[in-house]
Full PDB file with SEQRES, HELIX, SHEET, SSBOND, CRYST1, ORIGX, SCALE, CONECT and MASTER records, all heavy atoms in Angstrom:
SEQRES   1 A   35  LEU VAL PRO SER LEU ALA ARG VAL GLU ARG TRP GLN ARG          
SEQRES   2 A   35  ARG LEU ARG ASP ALA GLY ARG ARG ASP VAL VAL VAL GLY          
SEQRES   3 A   35  ALA ARG ALA GLY ALA TRP ALA PRO CYS                          
HELIX    1 AA1 LEU A    5  ASP A   17  1                                  13    
HELIX    2 AA2 ARG A   28  TRP A   32  5                                   5    
CRYST1    1.000    1.000    1.000  90.00  90.00  90.00 P 1           1          
ORIGX1      1.000000  0.000000  0.000000        0.00000                         
ORIGX2      0.000000  1.000000  0.000000        0.00000                         
ORIGX3      0.000000  0.000000  1.000000        0.00000                         
SCALE1      1.000000  0.000000  0.000000        0.00000                         
SCALE2      0.000000  1.000000  0.000000        0.00000                         
SCALE3      0.000000  0.000000  1.000000        0.00000                         
ATOM      1  N   LEU A   1      -1.338  -3.814  -4.974  1.00  0.00           N  
ATOM      2  CA  LEU A   1      -0.471  -4.899  -4.436  1.00  0.00           C  
ATOM      3  C   LEU A   1       0.948  -4.690  -4.982  1.00  0.00           C  
ATOM      4  O   LEU A   1       1.197  -4.350  -6.130  1.00  0.00           O  
ATOM      5  CB  LEU A   1      -0.976  -6.274  -4.925  1.00  0.00           C  
ATOM      6  CG  LEU A   1      -2.372  -6.710  -4.489  1.00  0.00           C  
ATOM      7  CD1 LEU A   1      -2.611  -8.145  -4.875  1.00  0.00           C  
ATOM      8  CD2 LEU A   1      -2.537  -6.526  -2.984  1.00  0.00           C  
ATOM      9  N   VAL A   2       1.922  -4.887  -4.094  1.00  0.00           N  
ATOM     10  CA  VAL A   2       3.383  -4.828  -4.403  1.00  0.00           C  
ATOM     11  C   VAL A   2       3.980  -6.088  -3.884  1.00  0.00           C  
ATOM     12  O   VAL A   2       3.486  -6.729  -2.975  1.00  0.00           O  
ATOM     13  CB  VAL A   2       4.004  -3.578  -3.840  1.00  0.00           C  
ATOM     14  CG1 VAL A   2       3.389  -2.300  -4.402  1.00  0.00           C  
ATOM     15  CG2 VAL A   2       3.878  -3.544  -2.293  1.00  0.00           C  
ATOM     16  N   PRO A   3       5.194  -6.463  -4.397  1.00  0.00           N  
ATOM     17  CA  PRO A   3       5.724  -7.810  -4.058  1.00  0.00           C  
ATOM     18  C   PRO A   3       6.319  -7.964  -2.667  1.00  0.00           C  
ATOM     19  O   PRO A   3       6.523  -9.043  -2.208  1.00  0.00           O  
ATOM     20  CB  PRO A   3       6.811  -8.023  -5.118  1.00  0.00           C  
ATOM     21  CG  PRO A   3       6.601  -7.037  -6.167  1.00  0.00           C  
ATOM     22  CD  PRO A   3       5.902  -5.892  -5.525  1.00  0.00           C  
ATOM     23  N   SER A   4       6.717  -6.871  -2.002  1.00  0.00           N  
ATOM     24  CA  SER A   4       7.381  -7.018  -0.686  1.00  0.00           C  
ATOM     25  C   SER A   4       6.918  -6.009   0.282  1.00  0.00           C  
ATOM     26  O   SER A   4       6.361  -4.942  -0.018  1.00  0.00           O  
ATOM     27  CB  SER A   4       8.937  -6.817  -0.904  1.00  0.00           C  
ATOM     28  OG  SER A   4       9.192  -5.465  -1.233  1.00  0.00           O  
ATOM     29  N   LEU A   5       7.109  -6.319   1.571  1.00  0.00           N  
ATOM     30  CA  LEU A   5       6.672  -5.443   2.676  1.00  0.00           C  
ATOM     31  C   LEU A   5       7.503  -4.147   2.653  1.00  0.00           C  
ATOM     32  O   LEU A   5       6.997  -3.055   2.973  1.00  0.00           O  
ATOM     33  CB  LEU A   5       6.889  -6.111   4.004  1.00  0.00           C  
ATOM     34  CG  LEU A   5       5.966  -7.331   4.268  1.00  0.00           C  
ATOM     35  CD1 LEU A   5       6.271  -7.969   5.628  1.00  0.00           C  
ATOM     36  CD2 LEU A   5       4.510  -6.860   4.227  1.00  0.00           C  
ATOM     37  N   ALA A   6       8.766  -4.215   2.259  1.00  0.00           N  
ATOM     38  CA  ALA A   6       9.627  -2.962   2.147  1.00  0.00           C  
ATOM     39  C   ALA A   6       8.975  -2.022   1.120  1.00  0.00           C  
ATOM     40  O   ALA A   6       8.970  -0.807   1.370  1.00  0.00           O  
ATOM     41  CB  ALA A   6      11.016  -3.341   1.796  1.00  0.00           C  
ATOM     42  N   ARG A   7       8.507  -2.549   0.013  1.00  0.00           N  
ATOM     43  CA  ARG A   7       7.909  -1.681  -0.997  1.00  0.00           C  
ATOM     44  C   ARG A   7       6.517  -1.197  -0.557  1.00  0.00           C  
ATOM     45  O   ARG A   7       6.077  -0.118  -1.000  1.00  0.00           O  
ATOM     46  CB  ARG A   7       7.796  -2.431  -2.348  1.00  0.00           C  
ATOM     47  CG  ARG A   7       9.219  -2.663  -2.949  1.00  0.00           C  
ATOM     48  CD  ARG A   7       9.121  -3.404  -4.270  1.00  0.00           C  
ATOM     49  NE  ARG A   7       8.502  -2.592  -5.340  1.00  0.00           N  
ATOM     50  CZ  ARG A   7       8.313  -3.029  -6.593  1.00  0.00           C  
ATOM     51  NH1 ARG A   7       8.692  -4.292  -6.868  1.00  0.00           N  
ATOM     52  NH2 ARG A   7       7.738  -2.269  -7.447  1.00  0.00           N  
ATOM     53  N   VAL A   8       5.809  -1.973   0.303  1.00  0.00           N  
ATOM     54  CA  VAL A   8       4.561  -1.517   0.872  1.00  0.00           C  
ATOM     55  C   VAL A   8       4.805  -0.192   1.640  1.00  0.00           C  
ATOM     56  O   VAL A   8       4.095   0.788   1.442  1.00  0.00           O  
ATOM     57  CB  VAL A   8       3.985  -2.568   1.786  1.00  0.00           C  
ATOM     58  CG1 VAL A   8       2.833  -1.989   2.585  1.00  0.00           C  
ATOM     59  CG2 VAL A   8       3.446  -3.766   0.993  1.00  0.00           C  
ATOM     60  N   GLU A   9       5.826  -0.180   2.481  1.00  0.00           N  
ATOM     61  CA  GLU A   9       6.104   1.015   3.274  1.00  0.00           C  
ATOM     62  C   GLU A   9       6.490   2.199   2.387  1.00  0.00           C  
ATOM     63  O   GLU A   9       6.035   3.308   2.633  1.00  0.00           O  
ATOM     64  CB  GLU A   9       7.239   0.665   4.216  1.00  0.00           C  
ATOM     65  CG  GLU A   9       6.911  -0.362   5.266  1.00  0.00           C  
ATOM     66  CD  GLU A   9       8.097  -0.706   6.173  1.00  0.00           C  
ATOM     67  OE1 GLU A   9       9.170  -0.156   5.967  1.00  0.00           O  
ATOM     68  OE2 GLU A   9       7.921  -1.545   7.087  1.00  0.00           O  
ATOM     69  N   ARG A  10       7.252   1.939   1.327  1.00  0.00           N  
ATOM     70  CA  ARG A  10       7.662   3.045   0.432  1.00  0.00           C  
ATOM     71  C   ARG A  10       6.443   3.594  -0.250  1.00  0.00           C  
ATOM     72  O   ARG A  10       6.292   4.849  -0.410  1.00  0.00           O  
ATOM     73  CB  ARG A  10       8.693   2.569  -0.536  1.00  0.00           C  
ATOM     74  CG  ARG A  10      10.049   2.291   0.038  1.00  0.00           C  
ATOM     75  CD  ARG A  10      11.165   2.242  -1.001  1.00  0.00           C  
ATOM     76  NE  ARG A  10      10.994   1.171  -1.938  1.00  0.00           N  
ATOM     77  CZ  ARG A  10      11.486  -0.086  -1.774  1.00  0.00           C  
ATOM     78  NH1 ARG A  10      12.233  -0.321  -0.687  1.00  0.00           N  
ATOM     79  NH2 ARG A  10      11.354  -0.982  -2.686  1.00  0.00           N  
ATOM     80  N   TRP A  11       5.577   2.758  -0.751  1.00  0.00           N  
ATOM     81  CA  TRP A  11       4.341   3.226  -1.461  1.00  0.00           C  
ATOM     82  C   TRP A  11       3.367   3.891  -0.520  1.00  0.00           C  
ATOM     83  O   TRP A  11       2.736   4.851  -0.875  1.00  0.00           O  
ATOM     84  CB  TRP A  11       3.719   2.068  -2.210  1.00  0.00           C  
ATOM     85  CG  TRP A  11       4.304   1.842  -3.527  1.00  0.00           C  
ATOM     86  CD1 TRP A  11       5.340   1.033  -3.841  1.00  0.00           C  
ATOM     87  CD2 TRP A  11       3.931   2.523  -4.736  1.00  0.00           C  
ATOM     88  NE1 TRP A  11       5.623   1.146  -5.174  1.00  0.00           N  
ATOM     89  CE2 TRP A  11       4.760   2.015  -5.803  1.00  0.00           C  
ATOM     90  CE3 TRP A  11       2.967   3.456  -5.061  1.00  0.00           C  
ATOM     91  CZ2 TRP A  11       4.687   2.460  -7.082  1.00  0.00           C  
ATOM     92  CZ3 TRP A  11       2.840   3.903  -6.400  1.00  0.00           C  
ATOM     93  CH2 TRP A  11       3.730   3.420  -7.379  1.00  0.00           C  
ATOM     94  N   GLN A  12       3.313   3.432   0.739  1.00  0.00           N  
ATOM     95  CA  GLN A  12       2.451   4.134   1.667  1.00  0.00           C  
ATOM     96  C   GLN A  12       2.902   5.556   1.936  1.00  0.00           C  
ATOM     97  O   GLN A  12       2.115   6.475   2.008  1.00  0.00           O  
ATOM     98  CB  GLN A  12       2.452   3.350   2.971  1.00  0.00           C  
ATOM     99  CG  GLN A  12       1.559   2.089   2.919  1.00  0.00           C  
ATOM    100  CD  GLN A  12       1.624   1.257   4.198  1.00  0.00           C  
ATOM    101  OE1 GLN A  12       2.596   1.300   4.907  1.00  0.00           O  
ATOM    102  NE2 GLN A  12       0.613   0.472   4.463  1.00  0.00           N  
ATOM    103  N   ARG A  13       4.207   5.749   2.041  1.00  0.00           N  
ATOM    104  CA  ARG A  13       4.751   7.100   2.224  1.00  0.00           C  
ATOM    105  C   ARG A  13       4.479   7.982   1.044  1.00  0.00           C  
ATOM    106  O   ARG A  13       4.093   9.142   1.146  1.00  0.00           O  
ATOM    107  CB  ARG A  13       6.294   7.010   2.468  1.00  0.00           C  
ATOM    108  CG  ARG A  13       6.661   6.495   3.861  1.00  0.00           C  
ATOM    109  CD  ARG A  13       8.122   6.798   4.176  1.00  0.00           C  
ATOM    110  NE  ARG A  13       9.034   6.197   3.224  1.00  0.00           N  
ATOM    111  CZ  ARG A  13       9.580   4.983   3.364  1.00  0.00           C  
ATOM    112  NH1 ARG A  13       9.280   4.232   4.442  1.00  0.00           N  
ATOM    113  NH2 ARG A  13      10.405   4.504   2.483  1.00  0.00           N  
ATOM    114  N   ARG A  14       4.651   7.483  -0.189  1.00  0.00           N  
ATOM    115  CA  ARG A  14       4.460   8.252  -1.366  1.00  0.00           C  
ATOM    116  C   ARG A  14       3.013   8.665  -1.521  1.00  0.00           C  
ATOM    117  O   ARG A  14       2.680   9.781  -1.868  1.00  0.00           O  
ATOM    118  CB  ARG A  14       4.899   7.483  -2.633  1.00  0.00           C  
ATOM    119  CG  ARG A  14       6.413   7.245  -2.759  1.00  0.00           C  
ATOM    120  CD  ARG A  14       6.803   6.581  -4.020  1.00  0.00           C  
ATOM    121  NE  ARG A  14       6.763   7.526  -5.165  1.00  0.00           N  
ATOM    122  CZ  ARG A  14       7.180   7.188  -6.351  1.00  0.00           C  
ATOM    123  NH1 ARG A  14       7.634   5.977  -6.642  1.00  0.00           N  
ATOM    124  NH2 ARG A  14       7.099   8.088  -7.347  1.00  0.00           N  
ATOM    125  N   LEU A  15       2.098   7.725  -1.245  1.00  0.00           N  
ATOM    126  CA  LEU A  15       0.664   7.994  -1.330  1.00  0.00           C  
ATOM    127  C   LEU A  15       0.261   8.985  -0.273  1.00  0.00           C  
ATOM    128  O   LEU A  15      -0.548   9.911  -0.532  1.00  0.00           O  
ATOM    129  CB  LEU A  15      -0.096   6.704  -1.226  1.00  0.00           C  
ATOM    130  CG  LEU A  15      -0.036   5.735  -2.375  1.00  0.00           C  
ATOM    131  CD1 LEU A  15      -0.464   4.364  -2.003  1.00  0.00           C  
ATOM    132  CD2 LEU A  15      -0.804   6.240  -3.579  1.00  0.00           C  
ATOM    133  N   ARG A  16       0.786   8.846   0.950  1.00  0.00           N  
ATOM    134  CA  ARG A  16       0.468   9.750   1.983  1.00  0.00           C  
ATOM    135  C   ARG A  16       0.933  11.180   1.652  1.00  0.00           C  
ATOM    136  O   ARG A  16       0.210  12.185   1.831  1.00  0.00           O  
ATOM    137  CB  ARG A  16       1.064   9.341   3.314  1.00  0.00           C  
ATOM    138  CG  ARG A  16       0.683  10.125   4.529  1.00  0.00           C  
ATOM    139  CD  ARG A  16       1.056   9.383   5.793  1.00  0.00           C  
ATOM    140  NE  ARG A  16       2.457   9.068   5.860  1.00  0.00           N  
ATOM    141  CZ  ARG A  16       2.964   7.819   5.814  1.00  0.00           C  
ATOM    142  NH1 ARG A  16       2.108   6.802   5.717  1.00  0.00           N  
ATOM    143  NH2 ARG A  16       4.280   7.595   5.843  1.00  0.00           N  
ATOM    144  N   ASP A  17       2.166  11.291   1.146  1.00  0.00           N  
ATOM    145  CA  ASP A  17       2.686  12.581   0.737  1.00  0.00           C  
ATOM    146  C   ASP A  17       1.884  13.223  -0.408  1.00  0.00           C  
ATOM    147  O   ASP A  17       1.801  14.446  -0.511  1.00  0.00           O  
ATOM    148  CB  ASP A  17       4.183  12.462   0.325  1.00  0.00           C  
ATOM    149  CG  ASP A  17       5.084  12.083   1.490  1.00  0.00           C  
ATOM    150  OD1 ASP A  17       4.636  12.235   2.653  1.00  0.00           O  
ATOM    151  OD2 ASP A  17       6.204  11.632   1.225  1.00  0.00           O  
ATOM    152  N   ALA A  18       1.270  12.382  -1.243  1.00  0.00           N  
ATOM    153  CA  ALA A  18       0.506  12.896  -2.390  1.00  0.00           C  
ATOM    154  C   ALA A  18      -0.951  13.158  -1.985  1.00  0.00           C  
ATOM    155  O   ALA A  18      -1.775  13.617  -2.807  1.00  0.00           O  
ATOM    156  CB  ALA A  18       0.527  11.901  -3.516  1.00  0.00           C  
ATOM    157  N   GLY A  19      -1.288  12.917  -0.710  1.00  0.00           N  
ATOM    158  CA  GLY A  19      -2.629  13.155  -0.215  1.00  0.00           C  
ATOM    159  C   GLY A  19      -3.628  12.092  -0.638  1.00  0.00           C  
ATOM    160  O   GLY A  19      -4.852  12.319  -0.569  1.00  0.00           O  
ATOM    161  N   ARG A  20      -3.159  10.913  -1.089  1.00  0.00           N  
ATOM    162  CA  ARG A  20      -4.091   9.880  -1.457  1.00  0.00           C  
ATOM    163  C   ARG A  20      -4.349   8.963  -0.261  1.00  0.00           C  
ATOM    164  O   ARG A  20      -3.495   8.193   0.175  1.00  0.00           O  
ATOM    165  CB  ARG A  20      -3.478   9.005  -2.582  1.00  0.00           C  
ATOM    166  CG  ARG A  20      -3.420   9.672  -3.928  1.00  0.00           C  
ATOM    167  CD  ARG A  20      -4.809  10.071  -4.493  1.00  0.00           C  
ATOM    168  NE  ARG A  20      -5.690   8.950  -4.650  1.00  0.00           N  
ATOM    169  CZ  ARG A  20      -5.871   8.258  -5.808  1.00  0.00           C  
ATOM    170  NH1 ARG A  20      -5.149   8.641  -6.868  1.00  0.00           N  
ATOM    171  NH2 ARG A  20      -6.670   7.269  -5.891  1.00  0.00           N  
ATOM    172  N   ARG A  21      -5.570   9.127   0.285  1.00  0.00           N  
ATOM    173  CA  ARG A  21      -5.948   8.342   1.427  1.00  0.00           C  
ATOM    174  C   ARG A  21      -6.927   7.219   1.093  1.00  0.00           C  
ATOM    175  O   ARG A  21      -7.417   6.543   1.987  1.00  0.00           O  
ATOM    176  CB  ARG A  21      -6.627   9.225   2.499  1.00  0.00           C  
ATOM    177  CG  ARG A  21      -5.810  10.467   2.868  1.00  0.00           C  
ATOM    178  CD  ARG A  21      -4.555  10.079   3.702  1.00  0.00           C  
ATOM    179  NE  ARG A  21      -3.813  11.212   4.110  1.00  0.00           N  
ATOM    180  CZ  ARG A  21      -2.672  11.192   4.807  1.00  0.00           C  
ATOM    181  NH1 ARG A  21      -2.236   9.961   5.208  1.00  0.00           N  
ATOM    182  NH2 ARG A  21      -2.011  12.259   5.082  1.00  0.00           N  
ATOM    183  N   ASP A  22      -7.186   7.037  -0.204  1.00  0.00           N  
ATOM    184  CA  ASP A  22      -8.196   6.066  -0.580  1.00  0.00           C  
ATOM    185  C   ASP A  22      -7.579   4.892  -1.313  1.00  0.00           C  
ATOM    186  O   ASP A  22      -8.236   4.203  -2.108  1.00  0.00           O  
ATOM    187  CB  ASP A  22      -9.201   6.749  -1.531  1.00  0.00           C  
ATOM    188  CG  ASP A  22      -8.564   7.365  -2.741  1.00  0.00           C  
ATOM    189  OD1 ASP A  22      -7.321   7.435  -2.793  1.00  0.00           O  
ATOM    190  OD2 ASP A  22      -9.320   7.775  -3.690  1.00  0.00           O  
ATOM    191  N   VAL A  23      -6.275   4.578  -0.988  1.00  0.00           N  
ATOM    192  CA  VAL A  23      -5.572   3.461  -1.542  1.00  0.00           C  
ATOM    193  C   VAL A  23      -5.090   2.504  -0.452  1.00  0.00           C  
ATOM    194  O   VAL A  23      -4.405   2.918   0.423  1.00  0.00           O  
ATOM    195  CB  VAL A  23      -4.376   3.911  -2.459  1.00  0.00           C  
ATOM    196  CG1 VAL A  23      -3.656   2.732  -3.013  1.00  0.00           C  
ATOM    197  CG2 VAL A  23      -4.856   4.879  -3.544  1.00  0.00           C  
ATOM    198  N   VAL A  24      -5.505   1.243  -0.581  1.00  0.00           N  
ATOM    199  CA  VAL A  24      -4.968   0.224   0.341  1.00  0.00           C  
ATOM    200  C   VAL A  24      -3.776  -0.448  -0.361  1.00  0.00           C  
ATOM    201  O   VAL A  24      -3.925  -0.962  -1.454  1.00  0.00           O  
ATOM    202  CB  VAL A  24      -6.096  -0.850   0.619  1.00  0.00           C  
ATOM    203  CG1 VAL A  24      -5.536  -1.977   1.492  1.00  0.00           C  
ATOM    204  CG2 VAL A  24      -7.280  -0.179   1.294  1.00  0.00           C  
ATOM    205  N   VAL A  25      -2.627  -0.445   0.373  1.00  0.00           N  
ATOM    206  CA  VAL A  25      -1.422  -1.042  -0.160  1.00  0.00           C  
ATOM    207  C   VAL A  25      -1.090  -2.268   0.634  1.00  0.00           C  
ATOM    208  O   VAL A  25      -1.070  -2.260   1.850  1.00  0.00           O  
ATOM    209  CB  VAL A  25      -0.247  -0.070  -0.126  1.00  0.00           C  
ATOM    210  CG1 VAL A  25       0.957  -0.623  -0.857  1.00  0.00           C  
ATOM    211  CG2 VAL A  25      -0.612   1.248  -0.802  1.00  0.00           C  
ATOM    212  N   GLY A  26      -0.775  -3.356  -0.010  1.00  0.00           N  
ATOM    213  CA  GLY A  26      -0.402  -4.602   0.659  1.00  0.00           C  
ATOM    214  C   GLY A  26       0.456  -5.486  -0.189  1.00  0.00           C  
ATOM    215  O   GLY A  26       0.583  -5.293  -1.419  1.00  0.00           O  
ATOM    216  N   ALA A  27       1.127  -6.455   0.401  1.00  0.00           N  
ATOM    217  CA  ALA A  27       1.824  -7.485  -0.310  1.00  0.00           C  
ATOM    218  C   ALA A  27       0.863  -8.613  -0.685  1.00  0.00           C  
ATOM    219  O   ALA A  27      -0.291  -8.380  -0.946  1.00  0.00           O  
ATOM    220  CB  ALA A  27       3.040  -7.952   0.479  1.00  0.00           C  
ATOM    221  N   ARG A  28       1.392  -9.864  -0.646  1.00  0.00           N  
ATOM    222  CA  ARG A  28       0.547 -11.009  -1.090  1.00  0.00           C  
ATOM    223  C   ARG A  28      -0.776 -11.086  -0.273  1.00  0.00           C  
ATOM    224  O   ARG A  28      -1.863 -11.130  -0.864  1.00  0.00           O  
ATOM    225  CB  ARG A  28       1.273 -12.291  -0.957  1.00  0.00           C  
ATOM    226  CG  ARG A  28       0.486 -13.490  -1.381  1.00  0.00           C  
ATOM    227  CD  ARG A  28       1.290 -14.742  -1.343  1.00  0.00           C  
ATOM    228  NE  ARG A  28       1.830 -15.078  -0.028  1.00  0.00           N  
ATOM    229  CZ  ARG A  28       3.063 -15.467   0.219  1.00  0.00           C  
ATOM    230  NH1 ARG A  28       3.926 -15.616  -0.784  1.00  0.00           N  
ATOM    231  NH2 ARG A  28       3.474 -15.690   1.452  1.00  0.00           N  
ATOM    232  N   ALA A  29      -0.683 -10.998   1.026  1.00  0.00           N  
ATOM    233  CA  ALA A  29      -1.884 -11.080   1.864  1.00  0.00           C  
ATOM    234  C   ALA A  29      -2.802  -9.928   1.676  1.00  0.00           C  
ATOM    235  O   ALA A  29      -4.000 -10.001   1.965  1.00  0.00           O  
ATOM    236  CB  ALA A  29      -1.506 -11.257   3.323  1.00  0.00           C  
ATOM    237  N   GLY A  30      -2.287  -8.800   1.154  1.00  0.00           N  
ATOM    238  CA  GLY A  30      -3.081  -7.588   0.964  1.00  0.00           C  
ATOM    239  C   GLY A  30      -4.222  -7.855  -0.062  1.00  0.00           C  
ATOM    240  O   GLY A  30      -5.112  -7.010  -0.150  1.00  0.00           O  
ATOM    241  N   ALA A  31      -4.142  -8.884  -0.840  1.00  0.00           N  
ATOM    242  CA  ALA A  31      -5.220  -9.175  -1.786  1.00  0.00           C  
ATOM    243  C   ALA A  31      -6.522  -9.396  -0.997  1.00  0.00           C  
ATOM    244  O   ALA A  31      -7.612  -9.317  -1.621  1.00  0.00           O  
ATOM    245  CB  ALA A  31      -4.890 -10.431  -2.642  1.00  0.00           C  
ATOM    246  N   TRP A  32      -6.471  -9.689   0.315  1.00  0.00           N  
ATOM    247  CA  TRP A  32      -7.678  -9.960   1.100  1.00  0.00           C  
ATOM    248  C   TRP A  32      -7.959  -8.762   2.012  1.00  0.00           C  
ATOM    249  O   TRP A  32      -8.738  -8.892   2.933  1.00  0.00           O  
ATOM    250  CB  TRP A  32      -7.435 -11.201   1.943  1.00  0.00           C  
ATOM    251  CG  TRP A  32      -7.376 -12.430   1.049  1.00  0.00           C  
ATOM    252  CD1 TRP A  32      -6.283 -13.007   0.505  1.00  0.00           C  
ATOM    253  CD2 TRP A  32      -8.530 -13.182   0.644  1.00  0.00           C  
ATOM    254  NE1 TRP A  32      -6.644 -14.067  -0.235  1.00  0.00           N  
ATOM    255  CE2 TRP A  32      -7.994 -14.244  -0.159  1.00  0.00           C  
ATOM    256  CE3 TRP A  32      -9.831 -13.124   0.892  1.00  0.00           C  
ATOM    257  CZ2 TRP A  32      -8.810 -15.186  -0.781  1.00  0.00           C  
ATOM    258  CZ3 TRP A  32     -10.654 -14.056   0.265  1.00  0.00           C  
ATOM    259  CH2 TRP A  32     -10.146 -15.097  -0.520  1.00  0.00           C  
ATOM    260  N   ALA A  33      -7.328  -7.601   1.735  1.00  0.00           N  
ATOM    261  CA  ALA A  33      -7.608  -6.440   2.594  1.00  0.00           C  
ATOM    262  C   ALA A  33      -8.951  -5.812   2.238  1.00  0.00           C  
ATOM    263  O   ALA A  33      -9.312  -5.769   1.050  1.00  0.00           O  
ATOM    264  CB  ALA A  33      -6.520  -5.378   2.413  1.00  0.00           C  
ATOM    265  N   PRO A  34      -9.683  -5.360   3.228  1.00  0.00           N  
ATOM    266  CA  PRO A  34     -11.011  -4.695   2.898  1.00  0.00           C  
ATOM    267  C   PRO A  34     -10.770  -3.359   2.143  1.00  0.00           C  
ATOM    268  O   PRO A  34      -9.841  -2.641   2.432  1.00  0.00           O  
ATOM    269  CB  PRO A  34     -11.610  -4.483   4.305  1.00  0.00           C  
ATOM    270  CG  PRO A  34     -10.453  -4.401   5.204  1.00  0.00           C  
ATOM    271  CD  PRO A  34      -9.472  -5.373   4.690  1.00  0.00           C  
ATOM    272  N   CYS A  35     -11.601  -3.069   1.164  1.00  0.00           N  
ATOM    273  CA  CYS A  35     -11.541  -1.885   0.408  1.00  0.00           C  
ATOM    274  C   CYS A  35     -13.007  -1.508   0.041  1.00  0.00           C  
ATOM    275  O   CYS A  35     -13.402  -1.784  -1.099  1.00  0.00           O  
ATOM    276  CB  CYS A  35     -10.655  -2.091  -0.841  1.00  0.00           C  
ATOM    277  SG  CYS A  35     -10.332  -0.604  -1.813  1.00  0.00           S  
TER     278      CYS A  35                                                      
MASTER        0    0    0    2    0    0    0    6  277    1    0    3          
END                                                                             
């Protein structure tokens, strides 16, 4: 979880570039994302 949608996008890019496909990134509502 990160505080803002802008940071969600940045973390998604970093994780994708690092080959991490097993991380769900979200802001407040992301606490309810399936994992």
